[in-house]
Amino acid sequence: MFCFLSDDHGEEESMTVLEELEKIDDDCDKHGIQFVKIDDSDAAEEFGIENTPAIVYFEKQIPNLYDGDLMNEDEILHWLLEQLEKDEIEDVTDEMLDKLIKEGKNMAVLFCN
């Protein structure tokens, strides 16, 4: 699943990014990736997202934040398809780690700085 987060303060920027994402919507559909737009700051905070707009890919309920250029739809599509193919240890925010622990998920956590 794919989530696009925006806020009211950057509505123009969010709409511009959304227009770019529309260009890859059909390609994402072919791979089973759904687009969702949300403007809930509490939801963003829950996943440790400090700056919006932001793109988050969810795999097995674990969010992975895209840190590239939001205006480059080809780069975003490449990143999304990479997420589908790769099997790697996920980076999570401290908020998300707290949520996973509260849900009773079995996991091993590697703490690094």
N, C-alpha and C. Protein backbone atom coordinates (compact mmCIF):
# COMPACT_ATOMS: atom_id res chain seq x y z
N MET A 1 0.84 -1.18 0.00
CA MET A 1 0.00 0.00 0.00
C MET A 1 0.88 1.23 0.00
N PHE A 2 0.35 2.30 -0.49
CA PHE A 2 1.09 3.54 -0.67
C PHE A 2 0.27 4.67 -0.08
N CYS A 3 0.91 5.54 0.65
CA CYS A 3 0.19 6.63 1.28
C CYS A 3 0.85 7.96 0.95
N PHE A 4 0.07 8.93 0.55
CA PHE A 4 0.55 10.28 0.29
C PHE A 4 -0.01 11.18 1.38
N LEU A 5 0.86 11.79 2.15
CA LEU A 5 0.44 12.64 3.26
C LEU A 5 0.63 14.10 2.90
N SER A 6 -0.35 14.92 3.22
CA SER A 6 -0.23 16.35 2.98
C SER A 6 -0.83 17.11 4.16
N ASP A 7 -0.67 18.41 4.13
CA ASP A 7 -1.28 19.22 5.19
C ASP A 7 -1.85 20.49 4.59
N ASP A 8 -2.66 21.19 5.36
CA ASP A 8 -3.30 22.40 4.87
C ASP A 8 -2.32 23.54 4.64
N HIS A 9 -1.19 23.54 5.35
CA HIS A 9 -0.24 24.64 5.26
C HIS A 9 0.51 24.64 3.92
N GLY A 10 0.67 23.48 3.31
CA GLY A 10 1.38 23.40 2.04
C GLY A 10 0.50 22.85 0.95
N GLU A 11 -0.74 23.27 0.91
CA GLU A 11 -1.72 22.71 -0.02
C GLU A 11 -1.27 22.84 -1.47
N GLU A 12 -0.69 23.96 -1.85
CA GLU A 12 -0.24 24.14 -3.23
C GLU A 12 0.86 23.14 -3.57
N GLU A 13 1.83 22.99 -2.68
CA GLU A 13 2.91 22.03 -2.90
C GLU A 13 2.35 20.60 -2.96
N SER A 14 1.44 20.29 -2.06
CA SER A 14 0.84 18.97 -2.04
C SER A 14 0.10 18.67 -3.34
N MET A 15 -0.62 19.63 -3.85
CA MET A 15 -1.36 19.42 -5.10
C MET A 15 -0.41 19.23 -6.27
N THR A 16 0.71 19.94 -6.28
CA THR A 16 1.70 19.78 -7.34
C THR A 16 2.30 18.38 -7.31
N VAL A 17 2.63 17.90 -6.12
CA VAL A 17 3.17 16.55 -5.96
C VAL A 17 2.12 15.53 -6.39
N LEU A 18 0.89 15.74 -6.00
CA LEU A 18 -0.19 14.82 -6.36
C LEU A 18 -0.35 14.72 -7.88
N GLU A 19 -0.23 15.84 -8.57
CA GLU A 19 -0.30 15.84 -10.03
C GLU A 19 0.82 14.99 -10.63
N GLU A 20 2.02 15.06 -10.05
CA GLU A 20 3.14 14.24 -10.52
C GLU A 20 2.85 12.76 -10.30
N LEU A 21 2.27 12.44 -9.15
CA LEU A 21 1.99 11.04 -8.82
C LEU A 21 0.91 10.46 -9.73
N GLU A 22 0.00 11.30 -10.21
CA GLU A 22 -1.04 10.83 -11.13
C GLU A 22 -0.41 10.24 -12.40
N LYS A 23 0.79 10.70 -12.75
CA LYS A 23 1.46 10.21 -13.96
C LYS A 23 1.90 8.76 -13.83
N ILE A 24 2.07 8.27 -12.59
CA ILE A 24 2.52 6.89 -12.40
C ILE A 24 1.43 6.01 -11.78
N ASP A 25 0.26 6.54 -11.63
CA ASP A 25 -0.85 5.81 -11.00
C ASP A 25 -1.16 4.50 -11.71
N ASP A 26 -1.25 4.51 -13.04
CA ASP A 26 -1.56 3.30 -13.79
C ASP A 26 -0.48 2.25 -13.62
N ASP A 27 0.79 2.68 -13.66
CA ASP A 27 1.90 1.73 -13.46
C ASP A 27 1.84 1.11 -12.08
N CYS A 28 1.52 1.90 -11.08
CA CYS A 28 1.41 1.39 -9.72
C CYS A 28 0.26 0.41 -9.60
N ASP A 29 -0.87 0.73 -10.23
CA ASP A 29 -2.03 -0.17 -10.22
C ASP A 29 -1.66 -1.55 -10.77
N LYS A 30 -0.87 -1.57 -11.82
CA LYS A 30 -0.45 -2.84 -12.44
C LYS A 30 0.31 -3.72 -11.45
N HIS A 31 0.96 -3.10 -10.48
CA HIS A 31 1.77 -3.83 -9.50
C HIS A 31 1.07 -3.96 -8.15
N GLY A 32 -0.19 -3.56 -8.09
CA GLY A 32 -0.97 -3.70 -6.86
C GLY A 32 -0.67 -2.66 -5.80
N ILE A 33 -0.10 -1.54 -6.20
CA ILE A 33 0.18 -0.45 -5.26
C ILE A 33 -0.94 0.57 -5.38
N GLN A 34 -1.59 0.84 -4.26
CA GLN A 34 -2.71 1.78 -4.24
C GLN A 34 -2.26 3.14 -3.72
N PHE A 35 -2.81 4.19 -4.28
CA PHE A 35 -2.56 5.55 -3.81
C PHE A 35 -3.63 5.95 -2.80
N VAL A 36 -3.20 6.59 -1.75
CA VAL A 36 -4.12 7.14 -0.74
C VAL A 36 -3.61 8.51 -0.37
N LYS A 37 -4.50 9.49 -0.27
CA LYS A 37 -4.12 10.84 0.16
C LYS A 37 -4.80 11.11 1.49
N ILE A 38 -4.04 11.65 2.44
CA ILE A 38 -4.60 11.94 3.75
C ILE A 38 -4.01 13.26 4.24
N ASP A 39 -4.80 14.04 4.95
CA ASP A 39 -4.30 15.30 5.49
C ASP A 39 -4.46 15.37 7.00
N ASP A 40 -4.28 14.24 7.65
CA ASP A 40 -4.43 14.11 9.10
C ASP A 40 -3.07 14.24 9.77
N SER A 41 -2.82 15.36 10.43
CA SER A 41 -1.52 15.58 11.07
C SER A 41 -1.27 14.59 12.21
N ASP A 42 -2.33 14.11 12.85
CA ASP A 42 -2.16 13.10 13.90
C ASP A 42 -1.64 11.79 13.31
N ALA A 43 -2.14 11.42 12.14
CA ALA A 43 -1.67 10.20 11.47
C ALA A 43 -0.20 10.35 11.07
N ALA A 44 0.15 11.51 10.55
CA ALA A 44 1.55 11.76 10.19
C ALA A 44 2.44 11.64 11.42
N GLU A 45 2.02 12.23 12.52
CA GLU A 45 2.79 12.17 13.76
C GLU A 45 2.93 10.73 14.26
N GLU A 46 1.86 9.97 14.13
CA GLU A 46 1.88 8.57 14.58
C GLU A 46 2.96 7.77 13.86
N PHE A 47 3.24 8.10 12.61
CA PHE A 47 4.26 7.39 11.85
C PHE A 47 5.60 8.11 11.86
N GLY A 48 5.74 9.15 12.68
CA GLY A 48 7.01 9.84 12.81
C GLY A 48 7.34 10.77 11.67
N ILE A 49 6.33 11.22 10.94
CA ILE A 49 6.54 12.11 9.80
C ILE A 49 6.47 13.55 10.28
N GLU A 50 7.57 14.25 10.11
CA GLU A 50 7.66 15.62 10.61
C GLU A 50 7.36 16.66 9.55
N ASN A 51 7.71 16.36 8.30
CA ASN A 51 7.53 17.31 7.21
C ASN A 51 6.61 16.72 6.15
N THR A 52 5.64 17.50 5.72
CA THR A 52 4.74 17.08 4.66
C THR A 52 4.79 18.09 3.53
N PRO A 53 4.48 17.71 2.31
CA PRO A 53 4.00 16.40 1.92
C PRO A 53 5.08 15.34 2.03
N ALA A 54 4.66 14.10 2.19
CA ALA A 54 5.57 12.96 2.30
C ALA A 54 4.93 11.75 1.66
N ILE A 55 5.77 10.83 1.20
CA ILE A 55 5.29 9.59 0.61
C ILE A 55 5.77 8.45 1.50
N VAL A 56 4.84 7.58 1.83
CA VAL A 56 5.15 6.43 2.69
C VAL A 56 4.65 5.17 2.00
N TYR A 57 5.50 4.18 1.94
CA TYR A 57 5.12 2.87 1.42
C TYR A 57 4.94 1.94 2.61
N PHE A 58 3.81 1.25 2.68
CA PHE A 58 3.54 0.33 3.78
C PHE A 58 3.69 -1.11 3.30
N GLU A 59 4.49 -1.87 4.04
CA GLU A 59 4.64 -3.29 3.78
C GLU A 59 4.43 -4.02 5.09
N LYS A 60 3.41 -4.85 5.13
CA LYS A 60 3.05 -5.58 6.35
C LYS A 60 2.89 -4.61 7.53
N GLN A 61 2.21 -3.52 7.27
CA GLN A 61 1.87 -2.47 8.24
C GLN A 61 3.09 -1.68 8.73
N ILE A 62 4.24 -1.87 8.12
CA ILE A 62 5.43 -1.11 8.51
C ILE A 62 5.66 -0.04 7.46
N PRO A 63 5.73 1.23 7.90
CA PRO A 63 5.91 2.33 6.94
C PRO A 63 7.38 2.50 6.55
N ASN A 64 7.60 2.86 5.30
CA ASN A 64 8.92 3.18 4.80
C ASN A 64 8.81 4.53 4.10
N LEU A 65 9.49 5.53 4.65
CA LEU A 65 9.40 6.90 4.17
C LEU A 65 10.31 7.13 2.97
N TYR A 66 9.76 7.67 1.91
CA TYR A 66 10.54 8.03 0.72
C TYR A 66 11.29 9.32 1.01
N ASP A 67 12.60 9.32 0.75
CA ASP A 67 13.39 10.51 1.06
C ASP A 67 13.98 11.18 -0.18
N GLY A 68 13.44 10.86 -1.35
CA GLY A 68 13.93 11.46 -2.58
C GLY A 68 13.11 12.68 -3.01
N ASP A 69 13.28 13.04 -4.27
CA ASP A 69 12.62 14.21 -4.86
C ASP A 69 11.15 13.89 -5.15
N LEU A 70 10.26 14.59 -4.48
CA LEU A 70 8.82 14.36 -4.65
C LEU A 70 8.30 14.81 -6.01
N MET A 71 9.11 15.54 -6.76
CA MET A 71 8.68 16.02 -8.07
C MET A 71 9.19 15.11 -9.20
N ASN A 72 9.86 14.02 -8.85
CA ASN A 72 10.40 13.12 -9.86
C ASN A 72 9.61 11.81 -9.84
N GLU A 73 8.54 11.76 -10.63
CA GLU A 73 7.66 10.60 -10.59
C GLU A 73 8.35 9.31 -11.03
N ASP A 74 9.32 9.41 -11.96
CA ASP A 74 10.04 8.21 -12.40
C ASP A 74 10.87 7.63 -11.25
N GLU A 75 11.51 8.50 -10.49
CA GLU A 75 12.31 8.07 -9.34
C GLU A 75 11.41 7.44 -8.27
N ILE A 76 10.24 8.02 -8.06
CA ILE A 76 9.29 7.48 -7.08
C ILE A 76 8.81 6.10 -7.52
N LEU A 77 8.46 5.95 -8.80
CA LEU A 77 8.02 4.66 -9.31
C LEU A 77 9.12 3.62 -9.14
N HIS A 78 10.33 3.96 -9.48
CA HIS A 78 11.46 3.05 -9.32
C HIS A 78 11.61 2.62 -7.85
N TRP A 79 11.50 3.58 -6.94
CA TRP A 79 11.61 3.31 -5.50
C TRP A 79 10.49 2.37 -5.04
N LEU A 80 9.27 2.64 -5.49
CA LEU A 80 8.14 1.79 -5.11
C LEU A 80 8.31 0.35 -5.61
N LEU A 81 8.73 0.20 -6.84
CA LEU A 81 8.93 -1.14 -7.39
C LEU A 81 10.06 -1.86 -6.67
N GLU A 82 11.08 -1.10 -6.27
CA GLU A 82 12.17 -1.66 -5.47
C GLU A 82 11.65 -2.18 -4.14
N GLN A 83 10.72 -1.44 -3.54
CA GLN A 83 10.14 -1.86 -2.26
C GLN A 83 9.41 -3.19 -2.39
N LEU A 84 8.76 -3.40 -3.53
CA LEU A 84 8.04 -4.65 -3.77
C LEU A 84 9.00 -5.84 -3.88
N GLU A 85 10.16 -5.60 -4.48
CA GLU A 85 11.10 -6.68 -4.78
C GLU A 85 12.07 -6.99 -3.65
N LYS A 86 12.44 -5.99 -2.87
CA LYS A 86 13.48 -6.17 -1.86
C LYS A 86 12.92 -6.80 -0.60
N ASP A 87 13.77 -7.56 0.03
CA ASP A 87 13.47 -8.10 1.34
C ASP A 87 14.62 -7.66 2.25
N GLU A 88 14.38 -6.59 3.00
CA GLU A 88 15.44 -6.02 3.83
C GLU A 88 14.88 -5.59 5.17
N ILE A 89 15.78 -5.33 6.08
CA ILE A 89 15.39 -4.85 7.41
C ILE A 89 14.87 -3.43 7.26
N GLU A 90 13.69 -3.17 7.82
CA GLU A 90 13.06 -1.86 7.69
C GLU A 90 13.56 -0.89 8.74
N ASP A 91 13.71 0.37 8.35
CA ASP A 91 13.98 1.45 9.29
C ASP A 91 12.63 1.94 9.80
N VAL A 92 12.51 2.14 11.10
CA VAL A 92 11.28 2.68 11.66
C VAL A 92 11.60 3.85 12.57
N THR A 93 10.62 4.70 12.75
CA THR A 93 10.76 5.81 13.68
C THR A 93 10.52 5.31 15.10
N ASP A 94 10.89 6.10 16.09
CA ASP A 94 10.65 5.69 17.47
C ASP A 94 9.16 5.57 17.76
N GLU A 95 8.35 6.41 17.12
CA GLU A 95 6.90 6.32 17.29
C GLU A 95 6.38 4.99 16.74
N MET A 96 6.88 4.61 15.57
CA MET A 96 6.43 3.36 14.97
C MET A 96 6.91 2.16 15.77
N LEU A 97 8.13 2.22 16.31
CA LEU A 97 8.63 1.14 17.15
C LEU A 97 7.74 0.97 18.37
N ASP A 98 7.37 2.09 19.01
CA ASP A 98 6.46 2.02 20.16
C ASP A 98 5.15 1.35 19.78
N LYS A 99 4.61 1.70 18.61
CA LYS A 99 3.35 1.12 18.16
C LYS A 99 3.49 -0.38 17.91
N LEU A 100 4.58 -0.79 17.27
CA LEU A 100 4.79 -2.21 17.00
C LEU A 100 4.94 -3.01 18.29
N ILE A 101 5.63 -2.43 19.26
CA ILE A 101 5.80 -3.09 20.56
C ILE A 101 4.46 -3.23 21.26
N LYS A 102 3.66 -2.16 21.24
CA LYS A 102 2.34 -2.20 21.88
C LYS A 102 1.43 -3.23 21.23
N GLU A 103 1.60 -3.46 19.92
CA GLU A 103 0.80 -4.44 19.21
C GLU A 103 1.27 -5.86 19.47
N GLY A 104 2.38 -6.00 20.20
CA GLY A 104 2.88 -7.32 20.55
C GLY A 104 3.58 -8.05 19.42
N LYS A 105 4.12 -7.29 18.48
CA LYS A 105 4.82 -7.90 17.36
C LYS A 105 6.13 -8.53 17.85
N ASN A 106 6.44 -9.73 17.37
CA ASN A 106 7.72 -10.35 17.66
C ASN A 106 8.74 -9.75 16.71
N MET A 107 9.84 -9.25 17.27
CA MET A 107 10.83 -8.62 16.43
C MET A 107 12.17 -8.55 17.13
N ALA A 108 13.20 -8.42 16.34
CA ALA A 108 14.53 -8.11 16.86
C ALA A 108 14.84 -6.71 16.36
N VAL A 109 15.37 -5.86 17.22
CA VAL A 109 15.61 -4.46 16.87
C VAL A 109 17.10 -4.18 16.94
N LEU A 110 17.65 -3.64 15.86
CA LEU A 110 19.04 -3.22 15.82
C LEU A 110 19.05 -1.71 16.02
N PHE A 111 19.65 -1.26 17.14
CA PHE A 111 19.74 0.16 17.43
C PHE A 111 21.10 0.67 16.91
N CYS A 112 21.06 1.70 16.10
CA CYS A 112 22.30 2.29 15.55
C CYS A 112 22.20 3.82 15.69
N ASN A 113 23.31 4.46 15.56
CA ASN A 113 23.31 5.93 15.55
C ASN A 113 24.20 6.44 14.47
